[in-house]
PDB file of N, CA and C in Angstrom:
ATOM      1  N   UNK A   1     -36.741  29.815  26.281  1.00  0.00           N
ATOM      2  CA  UNK A   1     -37.762  31.026  26.028  1.00  0.00           C
ATOM      3  C   UNK A   1     -36.967  32.335  26.880  1.00  0.00           C
ATOM      4  N   UNK A   2     -37.063  33.195  26.284  1.00  0.00           N
ATOM      5  CA  UNK A   2     -36.444  34.608  26.929  1.00  0.00           C
ATOM      6  C   UNK A   2     -37.175  35.540  26.521  1.00  0.00           C
ATOM      7  N   UNK A   3     -37.316  36.790  27.364  1.00  0.00           N
ATOM      8  CA  UNK A   3     -38.112  37.871  26.899  1.00  0.00           C
ATOM      9  C   UNK A   3     -36.898  39.076  26.458  1.00  0.00           C
ATOM     10  N   UNK A   4     -37.666  39.709  25.993  1.00  0.00           N
ATOM     11  CA  UNK A   4     -37.193  40.750  25.171  1.00  0.00           C
ATOM     12  C   UNK A   4     -37.538  42.304  25.352  1.00  0.00           C
ATOM     13  N   UNK A   5     -36.858  43.415  25.150  1.00  0.00           N
ATOM     14  CA  UNK A   5     -37.689  44.335  25.403  1.00  0.00           C
ATOM     15  C   UNK A   5     -36.960  45.455  24.031  1.00  0.00           C
ATOM     16  N   UNK A   6     -36.024  44.744  23.246  1.00  0.00           N
ATOM     17  CA  UNK A   6     -35.498  45.384  22.118  1.00  0.00           C
ATOM     18  C   UNK A   6     -35.601  44.544  20.831  1.00  0.00           C
ATOM     19  N   UNK A   7     -36.179  44.765  19.608  1.00  0.00           N
ATOM     20  CA  UNK A   7     -36.278  43.990  18.808  1.00  0.00           C
ATOM     21  C   UNK A   7     -34.692  43.446  17.742  1.00  0.00           C
ATOM     22  N   UNK A   8     -33.689  44.919  18.394  1.00  0.00           N
ATOM     23  CA  UNK A   8     -32.418  44.539  18.042  1.00  0.00           C
ATOM     24  C   UNK A   8     -31.683  43.516  18.155  1.00  0.00           C
ATOM     25  N   UNK A   9     -31.952  43.081  19.441  1.00  0.00           N
ATOM     26  CA  UNK A   9     -31.438  41.964  20.186  1.00  0.00           C
ATOM     27  C   UNK A   9     -32.193  40.570  20.206  1.00  0.00           C
ATOM     28  N   UNK A  10     -33.635  40.668  19.892  1.00  0.00           N
ATOM     29  CA  UNK A  10     -34.329  39.718  20.036  1.00  0.00           C
ATOM     30  C   UNK A  10     -34.076  38.447  19.204  1.00  0.00           C
ATOM     31  N   UNK A  11     -34.365  37.169  19.848  1.00  0.00           N
ATOM     32  CA  UNK A  11     -33.815  36.274  19.353  1.00  0.00           C
ATOM     33  C   UNK A  11     -35.069  35.270  19.114  1.00  0.00           C
ATOM     34  N   UNK A  12     -35.213  34.394  17.830  1.00  0.00           N
ATOM     35  CA  UNK A  12     -36.404  33.570  17.543  1.00  0.00           C
ATOM     36  C   UNK A  12     -36.727  32.845  18.859  1.00  0.00           C
ATOM     37  N   UNK A  13     -38.198  33.048  19.272  1.00  0.00           N
ATOM     38  CA  UNK A  13     -38.752  32.310  20.000  1.00  0.00           C
ATOM     39  C   UNK A  13     -39.235  33.017  21.345  1.00  0.00           C
ATOM     40  N   UNK A  14     -38.139  34.361  21.591  1.00  0.00           N
ATOM     41  CA  UNK A  14     -38.293  35.089  22.563  1.00  0.00           C
ATOM     42  C   UNK A  14     -40.045  35.544  22.398  1.00  0.00           C
ATOM     43  N   UNK A  15     -40.396  36.326  23.799  1.00  0.00           N
ATOM     44  CA  UNK A  15     -41.774  37.101  23.807  1.00  0.00           C
ATOM     45  C   UNK A  15     -40.932  38.518  23.868  1.00  0.00           C
ATOM     46  N   UNK A  16     -41.698  39.253  23.449  1.00  0.00           N
ATOM     47  CA  UNK A  16     -41.052  40.630  23.034  1.00  0.00           C
ATOM     48  C   UNK A  16     -41.941  41.606  24.178  1.00  0.00           C
ATOM     49  N   UNK A  17     -41.699  42.433  24.839  1.00  0.00           N
ATOM     50  CA  UNK A  17     -42.210  42.796  25.512  1.00  0.00           C
ATOM     51  C   UNK A  17     -42.535  44.487  25.481  1.00  0.00           C
ATOM     52  N   UNK A  18     -43.247  45.007  25.330  1.00  0.00           N
ATOM     53  CA  UNK A  18     -43.257  46.356  24.567  1.00  0.00           C
ATOM     54  C   UNK A  18     -43.201  47.328  26.064  1.00  0.00           C
ATOM     55  N   UNK A  19     -42.320  48.075  26.101  1.00  0.00           N
ATOM     56  CA  UNK A  19     -42.460  49.172  26.910  1.00  0.00           C
ATOM     57  C   UNK A  19     -42.377  50.520  26.753  1.00  0.00           C
ATOM     58  N   UNK A  20     -43.092  51.549  27.160  1.00  0.00           N
ATOM     59  CA  UNK A  20     -42.733  53.031  26.972  1.00  0.00           C
ATOM     60  C   UNK A  20     -41.603  53.537  27.547  1.00  0.00           C
ATOM     61  N   UNK A  21     -40.870  53.852  26.763  1.00  0.00           N
ATOM     62  CA  UNK A  21     -39.591  54.892  27.261  1.00  0.00           C
ATOM     63  C   UNK A  21     -39.519  56.020  26.992  1.00  0.00           C
ATOM     64  N   UNK A  22     -38.633  56.809  27.508  1.00  0.00           N
ATOM     65  CA  UNK A  22     -38.682  58.563  27.018  1.00  0.00           C
ATOM     66  C   UNK A  22     -37.971  58.465  25.899  1.00  0.00           C
ATOM     67  N   UNK A  23     -37.423  57.663  24.984  1.00  0.00           N
ATOM     68  CA  UNK A  23     -36.826  57.844  23.594  1.00  0.00           C
ATOM     69  C   UNK A  23     -37.690  57.237  22.574  1.00  0.00           C
ATOM     70  N   UNK A  24     -38.267  56.270  23.034  1.00  0.00           N
ATOM     71  CA  UNK A  24     -39.163  55.384  22.053  1.00  0.00           C
ATOM     72  C   UNK A  24     -40.366  54.743  22.747  1.00  0.00           C
ATOM     73  N   UNK A  25     -41.675  54.281  22.056  1.00  0.00           N
ATOM     74  CA  UNK A  25     -42.497  53.349  22.461  1.00  0.00           C
ATOM     75  C   UNK A  25     -42.464  52.021  22.020  1.00  0.00           C
ATOM     76  N   UNK A  26     -42.156  50.868  22.759  1.00  0.00           N
ATOM     77  CA  UNK A  26     -42.170  49.631  22.220  1.00  0.00           C
ATOM     78  C   UNK A  26     -43.103  49.141  21.342  1.00  0.00           C
ATOM     79  N   UNK A  27     -44.266  49.659  21.732  1.00  0.00           N
ATOM     80  CA  UNK A  27     -45.640  49.317  21.401  1.00  0.00           C
ATOM     81  C   UNK A  27     -45.650  49.286  19.423  1.00  0.00           C
ATOM     82  N   UNK A  28     -44.587  50.394  19.460  1.00  0.00           N
ATOM     83  CA  UNK A  28     -44.428  50.803  17.752  1.00  0.00           C
ATOM     84  C   UNK A  28     -43.796  49.484  17.272  1.00  0.00           C
ATOM     85  N   UNK A  29     -43.049  48.796  17.736  1.00  0.00           N
ATOM     86  CA  UNK A  29     -42.202  47.793  17.153  1.00  0.00           C
ATOM     87  C   UNK A  29     -42.665  46.056  17.491  1.00  0.00           C
ATOM     88  N   UNK A  30     -43.895  45.990  17.925  1.00  0.00           N
ATOM     89  CA  UNK A  30     -44.415  44.662  17.966  1.00  0.00           C
ATOM     90  C   UNK A  30     -44.408  43.976  16.812  1.00  0.00           C
ATOM     91  N   UNK A  31     -45.062  44.368  15.613  1.00  0.00           N
ATOM     92  CA  UNK A  31     -45.239  44.097  14.444  1.00  0.00           C
ATOM     93  C   UNK A  31     -43.823  43.413  14.473  1.00  0.00           C
ATOM     94  N   UNK A  32     -42.563  44.436  14.232  1.00  0.00           N
ATOM     95  CA  UNK A  32     -41.487  44.011  13.455  1.00  0.00           C
ATOM     96  C   UNK A  32     -40.931  43.016  14.483  1.00  0.00           C
ATOM     97  N   UNK A  33     -41.179  42.838  15.992  1.00  0.00           N
ATOM     98  CA  UNK A  33     -40.616  42.028  16.803  1.00  0.00           C
ATOM     99  C   UNK A  33     -41.273  40.542  16.078  1.00  0.00           C
ATOM    100  N   UNK A  34     -42.691  40.338  15.826  1.00  0.00           N
ATOM    101  CA  UNK A  34     -42.934  39.063  15.368  1.00  0.00           C
ATOM    102  C   UNK A  34     -42.489  38.799  14.090  1.00  0.00           C
ATOM    103  N   UNK A  35     -42.245  39.774  13.165  1.00  0.00           N
ATOM    104  CA  UNK A  35     -41.773  39.356  11.777  1.00  0.00           C
ATOM    105  C   UNK A  35     -40.012  38.914  11.952  1.00  0.00           C
ATOM    106  N   UNK A  36     -39.619  39.382  12.892  1.00  0.00           N
ATOM    107  CA  UNK A  36     -38.101  38.859  13.716  1.00  0.00           C
ATOM    108  C   UNK A  36     -38.052  37.307  14.167  1.00  0.00           C
ATOM    109  N   UNK A  37     -39.342  36.753  14.492  1.00  0.00           N
ATOM    110  CA  UNK A  37     -39.398  35.407  14.865  1.00  0.00           C
ATOM    111  C   UNK A  37     -39.844  35.287  16.638  1.00  0.00           C
ATOM    112  N   UNK A  38     -40.265  36.604  17.043  1.00  0.00           N
ATOM    113  CA  UNK A  38     -41.047  36.639  18.412  1.00  0.00           C
ATOM    114  C   UNK A  38     -42.146  35.502  18.436  1.00  0.00           C
ATOM    115  N   UNK A  39     -42.014  34.580  19.449  1.00  0.00           N
ATOM    116  CA  UNK A  39     -43.075  33.766  19.724  1.00  0.00           C
ATOM    117  C   UNK A  39     -44.602  34.670  20.236  1.00  0.00           C
ATOM    118  N   UNK A  40     -44.276  35.691  20.704  1.00  0.00           N
ATOM    119  CA  UNK A  40     -45.400  36.602  20.996  1.00  0.00           C
ATOM    120  C   UNK A  40     -45.308  37.813  21.261  1.00  0.00           C
ATOM    121  N   UNK A  41     -45.948  38.508  21.531  1.00  0.00           N
ATOM    122  CA  UNK A  41     -45.781  40.116  22.040  1.00  0.00           C
ATOM    123  C   UNK A  41     -46.876  40.645  23.246  1.00  0.00           C
ATOM    124  N   UNK A  42     -46.247  41.320  24.150  1.00  0.00           N
ATOM    125  CA  UNK A  42     -47.143  41.849  25.231  1.00  0.00           C
ATOM    126  C   UNK A  42     -46.950  43.433  25.397  1.00  0.00           C
ATOM    127  N   UNK A  43     -47.708  43.918  26.006  1.00  0.00           N
ATOM    128  CA  UNK A  43     -47.687  45.390  26.182  1.00  0.00           C
ATOM    129  C   UNK A  43     -48.880  45.601  27.116  1.00  0.00           C
ATOM    130  N   UNK A  44     -49.117  47.084  26.891  1.00  0.00           N
ATOM    131  CA  UNK A  44     -50.344  47.550  28.057  1.00  0.00           C
ATOM    132  C   UNK A  44     -51.031  48.549  27.264  1.00  0.00           C
ATOM    133  N   UNK A  45     -51.982  48.704  27.768  1.00  0.00           N
ATOM    134  CA  UNK A  45     -53.122  49.609  27.035  1.00  0.00           C
ATOM    135  C   UNK A  45     -53.605  49.294  25.508  1.00  0.00           C
ATOM    136  N   UNK A  46     -54.105  49.963  24.973  1.00  0.00           N
ATOM    137  CA  UNK A  46     -54.553  49.956  23.883  1.00  0.00           C
ATOM    138  C   UNK A  46     -53.950  49.866  22.578  1.00  0.00           C
ATOM    139  N   UNK A  47     -52.434  49.918  22.975  1.00  0.00           N
ATOM    140  CA  UNK A  47     -51.391  50.320  22.065  1.00  0.00           C
ATOM    141  C   UNK A  47     -51.327  48.928  21.406  1.00  0.00           C
ATOM    142  N   UNK A  48     -51.242  47.872  22.070  1.00  0.00           N
ATOM    143  CA  UNK A  48     -51.491  46.491  21.534  1.00  0.00           C
ATOM    144  C   UNK A  48     -52.583  45.891  20.405  1.00  0.00           C
ATOM    145  N   UNK A  49     -52.391  45.521  19.221  1.00  0.00           N
ATOM    146  CA  UNK A  49     -53.634  44.885  18.733  1.00  0.00           C
ATOM    147  C   UNK A  49     -53.240  43.863  17.851  1.00  0.00           C
ATOM    148  N   UNK A  50     -53.905  43.167  17.635  1.00  0.00           N
ATOM    149  CA  UNK A  50     -53.864  42.042  16.540  1.00  0.00           C
ATOM    150  C   UNK A  50     -52.531  41.956  15.649  1.00  0.00           C
ATOM    151  N   UNK A  51     -51.709  41.525  15.482  1.00  0.00           N
ATOM    152  CA  UNK A  51     -51.035  41.546  14.552  1.00  0.00           C
ATOM    153  C   UNK A  51     -51.191  40.777  13.145  1.00  0.00           C
ATOM    154  N   UNK A  52     -50.936  41.146  11.896  1.00  0.00           N
ATOM    155  CA  UNK A  52     -51.452  41.019  10.613  1.00  0.00           C
ATOM    156  C   UNK A  52     -50.918  39.172  10.692  1.00  0.00           C
ATOM    157  N   UNK A  53     -51.588  38.363  10.100  1.00  0.00           N
ATOM    158  CA  UNK A  53     -51.365  37.005  10.012  1.00  0.00           C
ATOM    159  C   UNK A  53     -50.087  36.939   9.298  1.00  0.00           C
ATOM    160  N   UNK A  54     -49.376  35.826   9.789  1.00  0.00           N
ATOM    161  CA  UNK A  54     -47.698  35.324   8.982  1.00  0.00           C
ATOM    162  C   UNK A  54     -47.991  34.913   7.993  1.00  0.00           C
TER     163      UNK A  54
END
């Protein structure tokens, strides 16, 4: 298992870590990360919510 902050390089089974950056907010990509096969997603604050059921 690995950690990823980028849905473009995320591998199935990775944990997606949502990071707010100058160009984009990773929280906006958490659901996409799960659809891409992430084992889970974590972030900070209220930007994270429960994803839709798979």
